[in-house]
Protein backbone atom coordinates (compact mmCIF):
# COMPACT_ATOMS: atom_id res chain seq x y z
CA MET A 1 95.66 29.84 188.01
CA SER A 2 97.01 26.46 189.06
CA GLN A 3 95.24 24.54 186.30
CA ALA A 4 96.35 27.03 183.64
CA PHE A 5 100.03 26.87 184.59
CA ASN A 6 99.88 23.07 184.93
CA LYS A 7 98.81 22.86 181.28
CA ILE A 8 101.45 25.38 180.21
CA PHE A 9 104.07 23.39 182.15
CA TRP A 10 103.09 20.11 180.48
CA GLY A 11 103.02 21.81 177.09
CA VAL A 12 106.56 23.15 177.50
CA LEU A 13 107.69 19.74 178.78
CA LEU A 14 106.18 17.97 175.74
CA THR A 15 107.97 20.33 173.37
CA PHE A 16 111.22 19.85 175.29
CA ILE A 17 111.23 16.04 175.28
CA ASP A 18 112.01 14.58 171.88
CA ILE A 19 111.84 10.78 171.73
CA HIS A 20 111.18 8.99 168.46
CA ILE A 21 110.15 5.39 168.02
CA ILE A 22 110.90 4.38 164.45
CA ILE A 23 109.44 7.43 162.65
CA ILE A 24 106.89 8.75 165.18
CA ASP A 25 107.57 11.25 167.96
CA ILE A 26 105.91 9.81 171.07
CA PHE A 27 105.80 13.29 172.67
CA PRO A 28 104.58 15.32 169.68
CA ASP A 29 105.37 19.03 169.64
CA PRO A 30 101.97 20.03 168.18
CA LEU A 31 100.29 18.53 171.25
CA GLY A 32 102.67 20.42 173.54
CA TYR A 33 101.94 23.72 171.82
CA TYR A 34 98.23 22.98 172.03
CA PHE A 35 98.59 22.42 175.80
CA ILE A 36 100.27 25.83 176.07
CA TYR A 37 97.35 27.35 174.14
CA ALA A 38 94.79 25.54 176.34
CA GLY A 39 96.57 26.67 179.52
CA VAL A 40 96.72 30.30 178.46
CA LYS A 41 93.07 30.12 177.46
CA LEU A 42 92.23 29.31 181.09
CA LEU A 43 93.86 32.52 182.32
CA PRO A 44 91.70 35.54 183.10
CA VAL A 45 90.75 37.71 180.15
CA TYR A 46 92.33 40.84 181.65
CA VAL A 47 95.88 39.52 181.21
CA PRO A 48 96.95 41.65 178.20
CA SER A 49 99.62 39.43 176.64
CA SER A 50 97.62 36.19 176.69
CA GLN A 51 96.26 36.65 173.15
CA ARG A 52 99.77 36.83 171.65
CA VAL A 53 100.79 33.63 173.41
CA LYS A 54 97.67 31.85 172.18
CA ASN A 55 98.22 33.00 168.58
CA VAL A 56 101.87 31.89 168.44
CA ALA A 57 101.08 28.60 170.22
CA ILE A 58 98.42 27.72 167.63
CA LEU A 59 100.75 28.73 164.80
CA LEU A 60 103.49 26.49 166.20
CA SER A 61 101.01 23.68 166.79
CA ILE A 62 100.25 23.68 163.06
CA ALA A 63 103.81 24.42 161.88
CA THR A 64 105.33 21.54 163.87
CA LEU A 65 103.08 18.84 162.44
CA PRO A 66 105.90 17.56 160.15
CA THR A 67 108.17 17.06 163.19
CA THR A 68 105.79 14.39 164.50
CA PHE A 69 106.88 12.04 161.72
CA TYR A 70 110.63 12.30 161.79
CA GLN A 71 112.78 9.87 159.88
CA ASN A 72 115.94 8.64 161.60
CA ASP A 73 117.84 8.82 158.34
CA ILE A 74 116.61 12.31 157.47
CA PHE A 75 120.03 13.43 156.26
CA ASN A 76 120.31 10.44 153.93
CA THR A 77 116.92 11.13 152.37
CA LEU A 78 117.57 14.88 152.22
CA SER A 79 121.11 14.61 150.96
CA GLN A 80 120.35 16.85 148.02
CA VAL A 81 121.35 20.43 148.79
CA PRO A 82 117.97 22.11 148.01
CA ASN A 83 116.09 19.74 150.33
CA LEU A 84 118.68 20.08 153.08
CA LEU A 85 118.48 23.87 152.78
CA ILE A 86 114.69 23.82 153.05
CA TRP A 87 114.86 21.57 156.13
CA SER A 88 117.47 23.86 157.70
CA ILE A 89 115.36 26.97 157.05
CA TYR A 90 112.30 25.17 158.46
CA ASN A 91 114.12 24.19 161.66
CA THR A 92 115.59 27.67 162.12
CA SER A 93 112.14 29.21 161.59
CA LEU A 94 110.65 26.88 164.20
CA GLY A 95 113.42 27.86 166.61
CA LEU A 96 112.73 31.55 166.10
CA LEU A 97 108.97 31.06 166.47
CA ASN A 98 109.58 29.11 169.66
CA LEU A 99 111.75 31.95 170.97
CA ILE A 100 108.94 34.40 170.16
CA LEU A 101 106.52 32.15 172.06
CA VAL A 102 108.85 32.07 175.06
CA TYR A 103 109.24 35.87 174.88
CA TYR A 104 105.46 36.37 174.93
CA THR A 105 105.11 33.74 177.67
CA PHE A 106 107.57 35.68 179.81
CA GLN A 107 105.58 38.86 179.12
CA LEU A 108 102.46 37.01 180.25
CA MET A 109 104.22 35.80 183.37
CA MET A 110 105.45 39.32 184.15
CA ASP A 111 101.90 40.70 183.74
CA ILE A 112 100.61 38.10 186.19
CA VAL A 113 103.42 38.42 188.73
CA ASN A 114 103.20 42.22 188.71
CA LYS A 115 99.51 41.94 189.68
CA SER A 116 100.39 39.51 192.47
CA GLY A 117 102.93 41.85 194.05
CA GLU A 118 105.43 39.10 194.92
CA GLU A 119 108.74 41.00 194.68
CA ALA A 120 110.98 37.92 194.86
CA LEU A 121 109.13 36.23 192.00
CA ILE A 122 109.16 39.45 189.96
CA ARG A 123 112.97 39.61 190.22
CA ARG A 124 113.35 35.89 189.52
CA THR A 125 111.12 36.06 186.43
CA SER A 126 112.91 39.14 185.12
CA LYS A 127 116.35 37.59 185.64
CA THR A 128 115.30 34.28 184.07
CA PHE A 129 113.82 36.14 181.10
CA THR A 130 117.01 38.12 180.51
CA VAL A 131 119.25 35.05 180.69
CA TYR A 132 116.93 32.85 178.61
CA VAL A 133 116.49 35.29 175.75
CA SER A 134 120.14 36.43 175.74
CA VAL A 135 121.55 32.90 175.64
CA SER A 136 119.00 31.82 173.02
CA LEU A 137 119.84 34.74 170.75
CA ILE A 138 123.58 34.08 171.12
CA LEU A 139 123.07 30.41 170.21
CA ILE A 140 120.99 31.35 167.17
CA LEU A 141 123.61 33.89 166.11
CA PHE A 142 126.42 31.33 166.34
CA GLN A 143 124.30 28.84 164.43
CA THR A 144 124.79 30.96 161.32
CA PHE A 145 128.55 30.32 161.50
CA MET A 146 128.27 26.52 161.81
CA MET A 147 129.09 25.83 158.17
CA ASN A 148 132.46 27.57 158.55
CA MET A 149 133.50 25.84 161.78
CA THR A 150 136.11 23.14 162.03
CA ARG A 151 134.95 19.74 163.19
CA ASP A 152 136.34 20.25 166.71
CA LEU A 153 134.83 23.71 167.03
CA LEU A 154 131.51 22.44 165.70
CA PHE A 155 131.50 19.61 168.24
CA THR A 156 132.22 22.10 171.03
CA TYR A 157 129.45 24.42 169.83
CA VAL A 158 126.91 21.59 169.65
CA LEU A 159 127.89 20.39 173.12
CA VAL A 160 127.67 23.88 174.66
CA ALA A 161 124.41 24.65 172.83
CA SER A 162 122.85 21.36 173.93
CA ILE A 163 123.81 21.77 177.58
CA SER A 164 122.74 25.43 177.56
CA GLY A 165 119.40 24.54 175.97
CA ILE A 166 118.71 21.84 178.54
CA ILE A 167 119.57 24.18 181.43
CA LEU A 168 117.38 26.96 179.99
CA GLU A 169 114.39 24.67 179.51
CA ILE A 170 114.68 23.14 182.98
CA THR A 171 114.93 26.65 184.48
CA LEU A 172 111.78 27.69 182.60
CA LEU A 173 109.94 24.56 183.73
CA ILE A 174 110.88 25.19 187.37
CA LEU A 175 109.69 28.79 187.09
CA LEU A 176 106.39 27.68 185.52
CA ARG A 177 105.83 25.30 188.45
CA LYS A 178 106.31 28.23 190.83
CA TYR A 179 103.52 30.12 189.10
CA ARG A 180 100.90 27.55 190.05
CA SER A 181 100.50 29.08 193.50
CA ILE A 182 100.22 32.75 192.49
CA LYS A 183 97.21 34.71 193.69
CA ILE A 184 96.32 37.76 191.60
CA ILE A 185 95.04 40.86 193.36
CA ILE A 186 92.22 42.34 191.29
């Protein structure tokens, strides 16, 4: 269990950190999603939701290949409206797929923690799941209104969304670290 959740932890961390040198992402998202897949693959077969996590992780590993080679002046090269629209749809789709992956990962975690019988961790996972998904859906919903926001309101939204996203990801990473020590009762 420890090795599986270590890989899942490092996969989530790789997808969270986004540092580019010139045009190459030094922590590529496809590698992070592959780590998530490899970690879930190490889990016992009788965990029902593991197959969904593996499928979405592989899909995201392939779909995020273009994000590995990111140009710093992407908005200058994509200044034409059709290209900018395609890039926006692509990024929104990746965000939704990532949210689906997190949803299935939480289902997987709930399956595992329910078998362990640790009541405190069951409540913590359930509460973290509710907050994570709710805040993520609210941020995605408000993203649709970005084009109609004033500059000040847009700045505020981006600031709140960024801080919220960082807090959510760190909370998920801390929870994943807690799962390393779980013992499942068969």
